[in-house]
């Protein structure tokens, strides 16, 4: 006689329960949020650094042009009946109400020519009243600033106005504040009026 035994085995299938899936989705969502937030912060910092580099390049170009006595191609200055395209000085002009700064040259006939314009990246601006000038009379904060380098030795002077009657004086240092549009981060560019260092 043959006895058959039947085992009542349950058929188990490998898989995840609904709770396990929900926890996995929550963890992935949380990690994704952290990564995206860090990316946004890094992107903003990069824009601010790029803006500061633009300001530094403008100031250094003004210095270099003054040291090399770069001529002004558009100049129509005539001295003694002959054309003189040599520049008397180069200047960087900043106004906090604008999203750009300009590098200009003044010829020996006192005509000012805009040579280069440096536009700030989106979401970056000059801080209102964030252009600091430090000289023997003490510090001042302004909305306009000009830093001028006179040829041939690139001696530095500065003015807190931009116009035909600018008064340039020697300065110890100048500070240019750049900030994000939401004012969450600020970066400073410093110009030493004595050594000429820009950082």
Foldseek 3Di string as FASTA:
>chain_A
DDDDDDDDDDDDDDDDDPVVVVVVVVVVVVVVVVVVVVVVVVVQVVLQVVQLVLVLVLLVVQLVCQQVQDFDVPDQDADPNHGDRGFQKWKWKAAQVFQKIFIWTAHPVRDIDTDDIGGRDPQKTWDAQQKWFQAPVGIGGARIKMWMAGPNNGQIWMFRDDDDPTDTDQTQKIKTWMAGNVRPDIDIWMAGNPPRDID
